[in-house]
Protein backbone atom coordinates (compact mmCIF):
# COMPACT_ATOMS: atom_id res chain seq x y z
CA MET A 1 -0.20 0.11 -0.05
CA SER A 2 0.93 4.10 -1.28
CA VAL A 3 -0.56 6.55 -0.33
CA ASP A 4 2.51 9.55 -1.80
CA THR A 5 4.87 6.77 -0.63
CA ASP A 6 5.83 9.14 2.69
CA GLU A 7 5.44 7.20 6.15
CA SER A 8 3.34 8.14 8.37
CA THR A 9 3.11 7.72 11.84
CA SER A 10 -0.65 7.89 11.64
CA ASP A 11 -0.73 5.61 9.81
CA THR A 12 1.12 2.68 12.18
CA LEU A 13 0.48 -0.43 13.54
CA ALA A 14 0.70 -2.57 16.49
CA ILE A 15 -0.14 -5.42 17.34
CA VAL A 16 -0.05 -5.94 21.18
CA SER A 17 -0.53 -9.03 23.83
CA SER A 18 -1.19 -8.94 27.84
CA ASP A 19 -0.21 -12.90 27.13
CA GLN A 20 -2.50 -13.37 29.93
CA ILE A 21 -5.06 -15.82 27.07
CA PRO A 22 -3.04 -18.99 26.32
CA PHE A 23 -2.66 -19.72 22.57
CA ASP A 24 -2.38 -22.35 21.00
CA VAL A 25 -0.04 -23.44 18.42
CA ASP A 26 -2.35 -25.29 16.67
CA ASP A 27 -3.94 -22.18 15.85
CA THR A 28 -1.07 -20.32 14.02
CA ASP A 29 -2.80 -20.41 10.48
CA ALA A 30 -5.88 -19.69 10.89
CA PHE A 31 -4.72 -16.37 13.39
CA ARG A 32 -2.61 -15.46 10.68
CA ALA A 33 -4.62 -15.60 8.04
CA ALA A 34 -7.21 -13.61 10.55
CA LEU A 35 -5.29 -10.72 11.26
CA TYR A 36 -4.20 -10.83 7.56
CA ASP A 37 -7.91 -10.03 6.20
CA VAL A 38 -8.07 -7.64 8.92
CA CYS A 39 -4.62 -5.45 7.87
CA ALA A 40 -5.70 -6.49 4.53
CA GLY A 41 -9.39 -4.02 5.04
CA LEU A 42 -7.27 -1.52 7.50
CA CYS A 43 -4.66 -0.67 3.93
CA GLU A 44 -7.74 -0.45 1.85
CA ASP A 45 -9.47 1.78 4.18
CA ILE A 46 -6.10 4.26 3.91
CA VAL A 47 -6.17 4.15 0.53
CA ARG A 48 -9.31 4.69 0.07
CA ASN A 49 -9.39 7.61 1.79
CA GLY A 50 -7.00 9.38 0.99
CA GLU A 51 -6.49 12.75 1.23
CA GLY A 52 -8.73 13.71 -2.69
CA ALA A 53 -8.31 10.65 -3.58
CA HIS A 54 -10.60 10.92 -6.27
CA HIS A 55 -9.21 7.00 -7.92
CA VAL A 56 -7.60 4.25 -6.33
CA MET A 57 -5.17 1.63 -7.32
CA ARG A 58 -5.09 -2.14 -7.18
CA VAL A 59 -2.45 -3.28 -9.00
CA VAL A 60 -2.09 -6.98 -9.26
CA VAL A 61 1.28 -8.53 -10.42
CA THR A 62 1.80 -11.62 -11.36
CA GLY A 63 5.13 -13.80 -13.20
CA ALA A 64 7.86 -12.06 -10.87
CA ALA A 65 10.69 -13.43 -10.42
CA ASP A 66 10.21 -13.51 -6.47
CA GLU A 67 8.11 -11.68 -4.19
CA MET A 68 10.21 -8.96 -3.17
CA GLN A 69 10.21 -8.39 -7.26
CA ALA A 70 6.44 -8.74 -7.99
CA LYS A 71 5.62 -6.18 -4.77
CA GLY A 72 8.90 -3.46 -6.12
CA VAL A 73 7.22 -3.27 -8.99
CA GLY A 74 4.39 -3.15 -7.96
CA LYS A 75 5.18 0.27 -5.24
CA SER A 76 7.01 1.65 -8.49
CA ILE A 77 4.10 1.54 -10.42
CA VAL A 78 1.29 2.76 -7.32
CA ASN A 79 3.70 5.55 -7.02
CA SER A 80 4.55 6.25 -9.75
CA PRO A 81 3.49 10.78 -10.13
CA LEU A 82 3.46 10.09 -13.96
CA LEU A 83 0.71 7.43 -14.23
CA LYS A 84 -0.85 8.88 -10.55
CA CYS A 85 -2.34 12.24 -13.18
CA ALA A 86 -2.78 9.83 -15.95
CA VAL A 87 -4.77 7.53 -13.50
CA ALA A 88 -6.35 11.10 -12.24
CA GLY A 89 -6.78 12.31 -15.98
CA ASN A 90 -8.59 8.82 -16.78
CA ASP A 91 -5.97 8.50 -19.60
CA PRO A 92 -5.07 5.32 -20.28
CA ASN A 93 -1.69 5.57 -20.63
CA VAL A 94 0.33 2.83 -20.45
CA GLY A 95 3.30 3.98 -22.08
CA ARG A 96 3.47 5.47 -17.93
CA LEU A 97 3.10 2.10 -16.90
CA VAL A 98 6.01 0.98 -19.19
CA MET A 99 8.57 3.64 -17.59
CA ALA A 100 7.30 2.09 -14.32
CA VAL A 101 7.28 -1.07 -14.46
CA CYS A 102 10.70 -1.08 -15.71
CA SER A 103 12.11 1.79 -13.05
CA GLN A 104 12.11 -1.28 -10.72
CA ASP A 105 14.97 -2.90 -10.87
CA VAL A 106 14.23 -4.98 -14.65
CA GLU A 107 15.38 -4.70 -17.32
CA LYS A 108 14.52 -2.95 -20.13
CA GLU A 109 13.95 -6.52 -22.22
CA LEU A 110 11.12 -7.12 -19.64
CA VAL A 111 8.35 -5.27 -21.33
CA GLN A 112 9.16 -7.79 -24.01
CA HIS A 113 8.43 -10.72 -22.28
CA MET A 114 5.38 -9.06 -20.29
CA LYS A 115 1.50 -10.36 -21.75
CA LYS A 116 -1.01 -8.61 -20.12
CA ALA A 117 -0.01 -4.82 -19.50
CA GLN A 118 -3.09 -3.08 -19.07
CA LEU A 119 -5.74 -0.21 -17.35
CA THR A 120 -9.00 -0.82 -16.58
CA GLU A 121 -11.91 1.74 -14.73
CA THR A 122 -15.10 -0.73 -12.50
CA THR A 123 -17.40 1.62 -10.48
CA ARG A 124 -18.95 1.05 -7.53
CA GLY A 125 -20.83 -2.20 -8.24
CA GLY A 126 -19.08 -3.51 -10.81
CA VAL A 127 -15.77 -4.38 -8.59
CA ASP A 128 -15.83 -8.13 -7.60
CA HIS A 129 -15.41 -7.42 -3.26
CA THR A 130 -16.35 -10.52 -1.72
CA SER A 131 -13.64 -11.00 -0.03
CA ARG A 132 -14.55 -8.35 1.86
CA ASP A 133 -17.37 -6.84 3.29
CA TYR A 134 -15.77 -3.30 2.75
CA PRO A 135 -17.19 -0.91 -0.52
CA PRO A 136 -15.13 -0.56 -3.18
CA HIS A 137 -14.10 3.45 -4.03
CA ASP A 138 -16.57 4.94 -6.49
CA HIS A 139 -13.55 4.66 -8.51
CA MET A 140 -11.55 1.82 -8.50
CA VAL A 141 -9.18 0.97 -11.45
CA GLU A 142 -7.47 -2.73 -11.51
CA ILE A 143 -3.57 -2.29 -13.57
CA GLN A 144 -2.67 -6.29 -14.01
CA VAL A 145 0.97 -6.74 -15.61
CA ASP A 146 2.36 -10.13 -16.13
CA LEU A 147 5.73 -10.12 -16.20
CA GLY A 148 6.07 -14.22 -16.95
CA LEU A 149 10.27 -14.51 -15.26
CA GLY A 150 7.70 -17.15 -12.45
CA ASN A 151 5.30 -17.32 -10.66
CA ALA A 152 6.23 -14.51 -7.75
CA THR A 153 2.58 -12.08 -7.72
CA ALA A 154 2.05 -9.49 -5.36
CA LYS A 155 -1.03 -6.50 -4.93
CA VAL A 156 -0.31 -2.94 -4.45
CA LEU A 157 -2.57 -0.29 -3.34
CA GLY A 158 -2.37 3.65 -4.61
CA ILE A 159 -4.17 6.00 -5.13
CA ASP A 160 -4.20 9.07 -8.09
CA LEU A 161 -2.60 12.15 -8.22
CA THR A 162 -5.08 14.84 -8.62
CA HIS A 163 -5.46 19.00 -7.98
CA GLU A 164 -7.29 18.40 -4.38
CA TYR A 165 -3.74 16.18 -3.03
CA VAL A 166 -1.71 18.62 -3.48
CA ALA A 167 -4.79 21.83 -2.73
CA ILE A 168 -4.44 19.60 0.94
CA ASN A 169 -1.53 19.86 1.55
CA ALA A 170 0.16 22.73 -0.53
CA ASP A 171 -2.59 24.58 2.08
CA TYR A 172 -1.77 22.11 6.26
CA ARG A 173 0.04 24.29 8.16
CA SER A 174 1.14 22.77 11.20
């Protein structure tokens, strides 16, 4: 998840245990899955409520050599100012998408192996949100990139870059 690449103390999650209730190690997988679902929902909330957000970007990178590469490419996409502006302007600018993919430590030749690189905008009702009770943002842009290099995948969330985002942050006074 990335809204603007800056990490805020306001967006911190801490898990604390009193160690007063016994924990059965056999429940570790179930606990981990439940915790992941809660954290994934919190990530969607943070992104959906980003300052001045008009579009939420859901980037799914598949076919990466490893998870680190998949996450790196996904973050590069959601953090690209030019791509964020293209999304804000409803412009499926494939050149900016390719630039964002290739700006990560991925060889330029990789583009030849990309099986799928597309931006699609879906609106409320058209998004598959069966896995979560959180309502989708009115404008969800799904970006799918298949690198064709392996089996690793990652999902990264981000927002567009709008005039409102700049105004809110330019007018912020501490």
